[in-house]
Amino acid sequence: KVYSMIEKAFSQLRTVEITYFSMESADFSKRKLDVYYKSKRYTIGYCHLRNDIRKFRTSRIASAKLTGKTYKIPKNFNKNDY
């Protein structure tokens, strides 16, 4: 269900609100994410909480829901940089 929501967000270029489990803090955090790249293992995108492009382990995303906000993927984005 989470992965299909991320796929939908990516295909519609809509910001998704996720609950992510961080191994560092051993806690969940809510984040808004603009998905720039997705695979079964990783999701890369702009994290509004950190104001930076971040790589997330897809299996650690506990929940995902679409927001009404849309975005554009920067032309200079390269998934291999992350």
N, C-alpha and C. Protein backbone atom coordinates (compact mmCIF):
# COMPACT_ATOMS: atom_id res chain seq x y z
N LYS A 1 0.82 -1.20 0.00
CA LYS A 1 0.00 0.00 0.00
C LYS A 1 0.87 1.26 0.00
N VAL A 2 1.90 1.28 0.83
CA VAL A 2 2.80 2.43 0.88
C VAL A 2 3.48 2.63 -0.47
N TYR A 3 4.00 1.54 -1.05
CA TYR A 3 4.71 1.67 -2.32
C TYR A 3 3.79 2.15 -3.43
N SER A 4 2.55 1.66 -3.45
CA SER A 4 1.63 2.11 -4.50
C SER A 4 1.29 3.59 -4.33
N MET A 5 1.26 4.08 -3.10
CA MET A 5 1.01 5.51 -2.84
C MET A 5 2.20 6.34 -3.32
N ILE A 6 3.41 5.84 -3.12
CA ILE A 6 4.61 6.53 -3.59
C ILE A 6 4.64 6.55 -5.11
N GLU A 7 4.28 5.43 -5.74
CA GLU A 7 4.20 5.38 -7.20
C GLU A 7 3.19 6.40 -7.73
N LYS A 8 2.05 6.49 -7.08
CA LYS A 8 1.01 7.43 -7.49
C LYS A 8 1.49 8.87 -7.34
N ALA A 9 2.14 9.17 -6.22
CA ALA A 9 2.69 10.51 -5.98
C ALA A 9 3.70 10.87 -7.06
N PHE A 10 4.57 9.91 -7.39
CA PHE A 10 5.61 10.12 -8.41
C PHE A 10 4.98 10.35 -9.78
N SER A 11 4.01 9.53 -10.15
CA SER A 11 3.41 9.65 -11.48
C SER A 11 2.59 10.93 -11.64
N GLN A 12 2.01 11.42 -10.54
CA GLN A 12 1.22 12.65 -10.59
C GLN A 12 2.00 13.88 -10.16
N LEU A 13 3.28 13.68 -9.80
CA LEU A 13 4.14 14.75 -9.26
C LEU A 13 3.43 15.52 -8.15
N ARG A 14 2.93 14.73 -7.18
CA ARG A 14 2.27 15.31 -6.01
C ARG A 14 3.06 14.99 -4.76
N THR A 15 3.18 15.99 -3.89
CA THR A 15 3.89 15.80 -2.62
C THR A 15 3.17 14.73 -1.80
N VAL A 16 3.94 13.90 -1.15
CA VAL A 16 3.38 12.84 -0.31
C VAL A 16 3.83 13.08 1.14
N GLU A 17 2.92 12.84 2.07
CA GLU A 17 3.27 12.95 3.49
C GLU A 17 3.55 11.54 4.00
N ILE A 18 4.77 11.34 4.51
CA ILE A 18 5.16 10.00 4.95
C ILE A 18 5.44 9.99 6.45
N THR A 19 5.33 8.81 7.03
CA THR A 19 5.82 8.56 8.38
C THR A 19 7.01 7.63 8.18
N TYR A 20 8.19 8.09 8.60
CA TYR A 20 9.44 7.37 8.32
C TYR A 20 10.13 6.95 9.60
N PHE A 21 10.59 5.71 9.63
CA PHE A 21 11.32 5.20 10.79
C PHE A 21 12.81 5.44 10.60
N SER A 22 13.39 6.21 11.52
CA SER A 22 14.82 6.51 11.46
C SER A 22 15.58 5.54 12.35
N MET A 23 16.59 4.89 11.79
CA MET A 23 17.41 3.97 12.57
C MET A 23 18.26 4.74 13.59
N GLU A 24 18.67 5.96 13.25
CA GLU A 24 19.51 6.76 14.14
C GLU A 24 18.79 7.11 15.43
N SER A 25 17.56 7.64 15.30
CA SER A 25 16.83 8.05 16.50
C SER A 25 15.92 6.94 17.02
N ALA A 26 15.79 5.85 16.26
CA ALA A 26 14.89 4.74 16.60
C ALA A 26 13.48 5.26 16.87
N ASP A 27 13.05 6.18 16.01
CA ASP A 27 11.75 6.81 16.19
C ASP A 27 11.14 7.13 14.82
N PHE A 28 9.83 7.39 14.83
CA PHE A 28 9.13 7.75 13.61
C PHE A 28 9.05 9.28 13.49
N SER A 29 9.14 9.78 12.26
CA SER A 29 8.95 11.22 12.03
C SER A 29 8.05 11.40 10.82
N LYS A 30 7.24 12.46 10.88
CA LYS A 30 6.38 12.81 9.74
C LYS A 30 7.16 13.75 8.84
N ARG A 31 7.12 13.49 7.55
CA ARG A 31 7.82 14.33 6.59
C ARG A 31 6.98 14.51 5.35
N LYS A 32 7.17 15.65 4.68
CA LYS A 32 6.57 15.85 3.36
C LYS A 32 7.69 15.62 2.36
N LEU A 33 7.37 14.87 1.30
CA LEU A 33 8.40 14.44 0.37
C LEU A 33 7.92 14.62 -1.07
N ASP A 34 8.79 15.23 -1.89
CA ASP A 34 8.57 15.30 -3.34
C ASP A 34 9.41 14.18 -3.94
N VAL A 35 8.76 13.16 -4.49
CA VAL A 35 9.47 11.97 -4.97
C VAL A 35 10.11 12.25 -6.34
N TYR A 36 11.45 12.16 -6.39
CA TYR A 36 12.19 12.38 -7.63
C TYR A 36 12.56 11.06 -8.29
N TYR A 37 12.71 10.01 -7.49
CA TYR A 37 13.07 8.69 -8.00
C TYR A 37 12.55 7.65 -7.01
N LYS A 38 12.12 6.51 -7.52
CA LYS A 38 11.66 5.44 -6.64
C LYS A 38 12.01 4.08 -7.21
N SER A 39 12.35 3.19 -6.32
CA SER A 39 12.55 1.78 -6.67
C SER A 39 11.96 0.99 -5.50
N LYS A 40 11.95 -0.31 -5.62
CA LYS A 40 11.42 -1.12 -4.52
C LYS A 40 12.24 -0.91 -3.25
N ARG A 41 13.52 -0.64 -3.40
CA ARG A 41 14.40 -0.51 -2.24
C ARG A 41 14.52 0.92 -1.71
N TYR A 42 14.68 1.90 -2.62
CA TYR A 42 14.90 3.28 -2.18
C TYR A 42 13.95 4.27 -2.84
N THR A 43 13.67 5.33 -2.09
CA THR A 43 12.91 6.46 -2.61
C THR A 43 13.79 7.69 -2.41
N ILE A 44 14.03 8.45 -3.46
CA ILE A 44 14.85 9.66 -3.38
C ILE A 44 13.95 10.85 -3.69
N GLY A 45 14.07 11.89 -2.88
CA GLY A 45 13.26 13.06 -3.14
C GLY A 45 13.60 14.22 -2.23
N TYR A 46 12.90 15.31 -2.47
CA TYR A 46 13.11 16.52 -1.68
C TYR A 46 12.33 16.40 -0.38
N CYS A 47 13.04 16.43 0.75
CA CYS A 47 12.43 16.35 2.07
C CYS A 47 12.19 17.77 2.58
N HIS A 48 10.92 18.11 2.81
CA HIS A 48 10.58 19.46 3.28
C HIS A 48 11.05 19.71 4.70
N LEU A 49 11.15 18.65 5.52
CA LEU A 49 11.63 18.79 6.89
C LEU A 49 13.10 19.20 6.93
N ARG A 50 13.90 18.58 6.09
CA ARG A 50 15.36 18.85 6.06
C ARG A 50 15.75 19.89 5.00
N ASN A 51 14.80 20.30 4.17
CA ASN A 51 15.08 21.24 3.07
C ASN A 51 16.25 20.78 2.22
N ASP A 52 16.22 19.49 1.87
CA ASP A 52 17.32 18.91 1.12
C ASP A 52 16.82 17.65 0.42
N ILE A 53 17.55 17.22 -0.61
CA ILE A 53 17.22 15.97 -1.28
C ILE A 53 17.80 14.83 -0.45
N ARG A 54 16.94 13.88 -0.10
CA ARG A 54 17.34 12.76 0.75
C ARG A 54 16.95 11.43 0.14
N LYS A 55 17.65 10.39 0.58
CA LYS A 55 17.39 9.02 0.12
C LYS A 55 16.76 8.26 1.30
N PHE A 56 15.63 7.63 1.03
CA PHE A 56 14.91 6.90 2.07
C PHE A 56 14.84 5.43 1.74
N ARG A 57 15.00 4.58 2.72
CA ARG A 57 14.80 3.14 2.55
C ARG A 57 13.29 2.93 2.48
N THR A 58 12.79 2.46 1.36
CA THR A 58 11.34 2.34 1.14
C THR A 58 10.69 1.46 2.21
N SER A 59 11.38 0.43 2.65
CA SER A 59 10.80 -0.48 3.66
C SER A 59 10.60 0.19 5.02
N ARG A 60 11.25 1.34 5.25
CA ARG A 60 11.11 2.04 6.53
C ARG A 60 10.02 3.11 6.50
N ILE A 61 9.33 3.24 5.37
CA ILE A 61 8.22 4.19 5.29
C ILE A 61 6.98 3.46 5.81
N ALA A 62 6.49 3.91 6.96
CA ALA A 62 5.37 3.22 7.63
C ALA A 62 4.03 3.57 7.01
N SER A 63 3.89 4.82 6.57
CA SER A 63 2.63 5.24 5.93
C SER A 63 2.91 6.35 4.94
N ALA A 64 2.00 6.50 3.99
CA ALA A 64 2.14 7.55 2.97
C ALA A 64 0.76 7.99 2.52
N LYS A 65 0.57 9.31 2.43
CA LYS A 65 -0.69 9.81 1.89
C LYS A 65 -0.43 11.03 1.02
N LEU A 66 -1.19 11.12 -0.06
CA LEU A 66 -1.02 12.20 -1.02
C LEU A 66 -1.51 13.52 -0.44
N THR A 67 -0.84 14.60 -0.82
CA THR A 67 -1.32 15.94 -0.49
C THR A 67 -1.80 16.57 -1.80
N GLY A 68 -2.35 17.75 -1.71
CA GLY A 68 -2.83 18.43 -2.90
C GLY A 68 -1.74 19.23 -3.61
N LYS A 69 -0.56 19.28 -3.01
CA LYS A 69 0.53 20.10 -3.54
C LYS A 69 1.27 19.37 -4.67
N THR A 70 1.61 20.09 -5.73
CA THR A 70 2.37 19.51 -6.84
C THR A 70 3.78 20.10 -6.85
N TYR A 71 4.66 19.48 -7.61
CA TYR A 71 6.05 19.92 -7.69
C TYR A 71 6.63 19.57 -9.05
N LYS A 72 7.83 20.06 -9.30
CA LYS A 72 8.57 19.72 -10.52
C LYS A 72 9.91 19.13 -10.11
N ILE A 73 10.36 18.15 -10.86
CA ILE A 73 11.68 17.56 -10.61
C ILE A 73 12.73 18.46 -11.28
N PRO A 74 13.74 18.91 -10.53
CA PRO A 74 14.77 19.78 -11.14
C PRO A 74 15.46 19.10 -12.32
N LYS A 75 15.74 19.87 -13.34
CA LYS A 75 16.38 19.34 -14.55
C LYS A 75 17.75 18.74 -14.24
N ASN A 76 18.45 19.29 -13.25
CA ASN A 76 19.81 18.82 -12.94
C ASN A 76 19.81 17.64 -11.96
N PHE A 77 18.65 17.10 -11.59
CA PHE A 77 18.60 15.97 -10.66
C PHE A 77 19.17 14.71 -11.30
N ASN A 78 20.07 14.03 -10.58
CA ASN A 78 20.65 12.77 -11.04
C ASN A 78 20.62 11.79 -9.86
N LYS A 79 19.85 10.72 -10.01
CA LYS A 79 19.69 9.75 -8.92
C LYS A 79 21.02 9.13 -8.48
N ASN A 80 21.99 9.10 -9.37
CA ASN A 80 23.29 8.51 -9.04
C ASN A 80 24.13 9.36 -8.08
N ASP A 81 23.67 10.61 -7.83
CA ASP A 81 24.38 11.47 -6.88
C ASP A 81 24.03 11.12 -5.43
N TYR A 82 23.04 10.21 -5.25
CA TYR A 82 22.53 9.94 -3.88
C TYR A 82 22.68 8.51 -3.45
